[in-house]
Every structure is written in structure tokens, then in C-alpha cells.
C-alpha atoms as a PDB file:
ATOM      1  CA  MET A   1       3.239  11.068  -1.612  1.00  0.00           C
ATOM      2  CA  VAL A   2       0.966   8.336  -2.823  1.00  0.00           C
ATOM      3  CA  THR A   3      -0.890   5.321  -1.504  1.00  0.00           C
ATOM      4  CA  LEU A   4      -0.226   1.892  -2.962  1.00  0.00           C
ATOM      5  CA  ARG A   5      -2.192  -1.340  -2.849  1.00  0.00           C
ATOM      6  CA  TYR A   6      -0.305  -4.612  -3.223  1.00  0.00           C
ATOM      7  CA  CYS A   7      -2.384  -7.615  -4.369  1.00  0.00           C
ATOM      8  CA  TYR A   8      -1.105 -11.022  -3.260  1.00  0.00           C
ATOM      9  CA  LEU A   9      -3.327 -12.869  -5.738  1.00  0.00           C
ATOM     10  CA  THR A  10      -1.928 -11.015  -8.733  1.00  0.00           C
ATOM     11  CA  ALA A  11       1.618 -11.342  -7.407  1.00  0.00           C
ATOM     12  CA  GLY A  12       1.318 -15.064  -6.759  1.00  0.00           C
ATOM     13  CA  PHE A  13      -0.815 -16.331  -9.612  1.00  0.00           C
ATOM     14  CA  LYS A  14       0.144 -13.986 -12.451  1.00  0.00           C
ATOM     15  CA  LEU A  15       3.716 -13.062 -11.535  1.00  0.00           C
ATOM     16  CA  ASN A  16       4.795 -16.137  -9.533  1.00  0.00           C
ATOM     17  CA  ASP A  17       6.080 -13.765  -6.836  1.00  0.00           C
ATOM     18  CA  ASN A  18       5.503 -15.146  -3.362  1.00  0.00           C
ATOM     19  CA  ARG A  19       7.404 -12.545  -1.360  1.00  0.00           C
ATOM     20  CA  HIS A  20       5.818 -10.645   1.477  1.00  0.00           C
ATOM     21  CA  ALA A  21       4.327  -7.356   0.273  1.00  0.00           C
ATOM     22  CA  CYS A  22       6.738  -5.335   2.417  1.00  0.00           C
ATOM     23  CA  ALA A  23       9.730  -7.118   0.857  1.00  0.00           C
ATOM     24  CA  ALA A  24       8.422  -6.565  -2.667  1.00  0.00           C
ATOM     25  CA  VAL A  25       7.907  -2.848  -2.055  1.00  0.00           C
ATOM     26  CA  LYS A  26      11.289  -2.491  -0.351  1.00  0.00           C
ATOM     27  CA  ASP A  27      13.037  -4.230  -3.263  1.00  0.00           C
ATOM     28  CA  LEU A  28      11.613  -1.539  -5.576  1.00  0.00           C
ATOM     29  CA  GLY A  29      13.179   1.171  -3.396  1.00  0.00           C
ATOM     30  CA  ILE A  30       9.801   2.447  -2.209  1.00  0.00           C
ATOM     31  CA  THR A  31       9.590   3.907   1.279  1.00  0.00           C
ATOM     32  CA  TYR A  32       6.344   4.374   3.187  1.00  0.00           C
ATOM     33  CA  LYS A  33       5.037   5.823   6.428  1.00  0.00           C
ATOM     34  CA  HIS A  34       2.458   3.160   7.341  1.00  0.00           C
ATOM     35  CA  SER A  35       1.271  -0.210   6.087  1.00  0.00           C
ATOM     36  CA  VAL A  36      -1.942  -2.135   6.665  1.00  0.00           C
ATOM     37  CA  GLY A  37      -2.567  -5.778   5.841  1.00  0.00           C
ATOM     38  CA  GLN A  38      -6.025  -6.564   4.497  1.00  0.00           C
ATOM     39  CA  SER A  39      -6.608 -10.287   4.947  1.00  0.00           C
ATOM     40  CA  ILE A  40     -10.129 -10.220   3.516  1.00  0.00           C
ATOM     41  CA  SER A  41      -8.791  -9.063   0.138  1.00  0.00           C
ATOM     42  CA  ASP A  42      -5.336 -10.674   0.287  1.00  0.00           C
ATOM     43  CA  SER A  43      -3.725  -7.276  -0.066  1.00  0.00           C
ATOM     44  CA  PHE A  44      -1.560  -4.726   1.687  1.00  0.00           C
ATOM     45  CA  GLU A  45      -1.951  -0.958   1.748  1.00  0.00           C
ATOM     46  CA  PHE A  46       1.078   1.315   1.868  1.00  0.00           C
ATOM     47  CA  TRP A  47       0.439   4.899   2.965  1.00  0.00           C
ATOM     48  CA  GLY A  48       2.741   7.885   2.475  1.00  0.00           C
ATOM     49  CA  CYS A  49       4.875   6.264  -0.217  1.00  0.00           C
ATOM     50  CA  GLU A  50       7.898   7.955  -1.729  1.00  0.00           C
ATOM     51  CA  ASN A  51      10.430   6.909  -4.368  1.00  0.00           C
ATOM     52  CA  VAL A  52       7.703   5.161  -6.358  1.00  0.00           C
ATOM     53  CA  PRO A  53       9.008   4.102  -9.779  1.00  0.00           C
ATOM     54  CA  ASP A  54       6.992   4.933 -12.889  1.00  0.00           C
ATOM     55  CA  ASN A  55       6.724   1.298 -13.949  1.00  0.00           C
ATOM     56  CA  LEU A  56       5.150  -0.729 -11.158  1.00  0.00           C
ATOM     57  CA  PRO A  57       4.527  -4.467 -11.406  1.00  0.00           C
ATOM     58  CA  GLU A  58       0.952  -5.516 -12.087  1.00  0.00           C
ATOM     59  CA  SER A  59       0.562  -6.516  -8.431  1.00  0.00           C
ATOM     60  CA  ILE A  60       0.994  -2.926  -7.202  1.00  0.00           C
ATOM     61  CA  GLU A  61      -1.424  -0.152  -8.031  1.00  0.00           C
ATOM     62  CA  VAL A  62      -1.621   3.495  -7.067  1.00  0.00           C
ATOM     63  CA  VAL A  63      -4.912   4.210  -5.297  1.00  0.00           C
ATOM     64  CA  ASP A  64      -6.557   7.536  -4.564  1.00  0.00           C
ATOM     65  CA  TRP A  65      -7.975   6.965  -1.096  1.00  0.00           C
ATOM     66  CA  ASP A  66      -8.763   9.485   1.593  1.00  0.00           C
ATOM     67  CA  PRO A  67      -7.360   8.152   4.879  1.00  0.00           C
ATOM     68  CA  MET A  68     -10.383   9.521   6.748  1.00  0.00           C
ATOM     69  CA  GLU A  69     -12.658   7.261   4.691  1.00  0.00           C
ATOM     70  CA  ARG A  70     -10.565   4.210   5.703  1.00  0.00           C
ATOM     71  CA  ILE A  71     -11.192   4.559   9.446  1.00  0.00           C
ATOM     72  CA  GLY A  72     -12.251   1.143  10.690  1.00  0.00           C
ATOM     73  CA  LEU A  73     -10.868  -0.503   7.565  1.00  0.00           C
ATOM     74  CA  GLY A  74      -7.385  -0.856   8.982  1.00  0.00           C
ATOM     75  CA  LEU A  75      -6.837   2.722  10.079  1.00  0.00           C
ATOM     76  CA  SER A  76      -7.634   4.191  13.473  1.00  0.00           C
ATOM     77  CA  LYS A  77      -8.971   7.725  13.629  1.00  0.00           C
ATOM     78  CA  GLU A  78      -5.642   8.909  15.034  1.00  0.00           C
ATOM     79  CA  LYS A  79      -3.621   7.277  12.267  1.00  0.00           C
ATOM     80  CA  ALA A  80      -6.003   8.568   9.584  1.00  0.00           C
ATOM     81  CA  VAL A  81      -5.612  12.136  10.873  1.00  0.00           C
ATOM     82  CA  GLU A  82      -1.822  11.725  10.933  1.00  0.00           C
ATOM     83  CA  LEU A  83      -1.748  10.379   7.371  1.00  0.00           C
ATOM     84  CA  SER A  84      -4.144  13.044   6.107  1.00  0.00           C
ATOM     85  CA  ARG A  85      -1.557  15.675   7.045  1.00  0.00           C
ATOM     86  CA  LEU A  86       1.003  13.994   4.772  1.00  0.00           C
ATOM     87  CA  TYR A  87      -1.201  14.351   1.703  1.00  0.00           C
ATOM     88  CA  LYS A  88      -1.907  18.079   1.991  1.00  0.00           C
END
């Protein structure tokens, strides 16, 4: 499982793709356990992703984040603990 970050600015300005992040990820066949919108950075985080294709669009990047370090940044302590179990 991996974590993905979807950037609206890259999608909109560079790729002329104005879909919602969830629709864009779904259209690629990616499934995920939890998503978090980040309005301050115009992005979306997708946690516990599966079926991630090798060639992702420029607007989606694989990130190596520890859920426990994202508490208060869109994740509650309970959700971070739950997600941490998925990555072990």
C-alpha cells in the first residue's frame, strides 16, 4: 500500500484537468482506504492506496509519510493509528 498526493494546481494549470481528485484517482483504477482534502495546499491525500499504476500523471505523486506524523494535519490520532497498521 502507498500514500498518494494529488495536486489541484498541477492538474488544472499544467494538465487542464479540472476533475475532483477522487474522480481522477478512481478513473485510474486506484482504490484507497481514506482521503483527506488539504485546502491550504490545494491538494488531496489518499491513504492505503492499491492498484496504483506505474505511470501516474504529473498531478499525482507517491509520498512516504508516516500517518502518526500527520496527526492534526488532517488525520485524527485514531485514524493515524488505524492507517499505520495498514503499512506494516
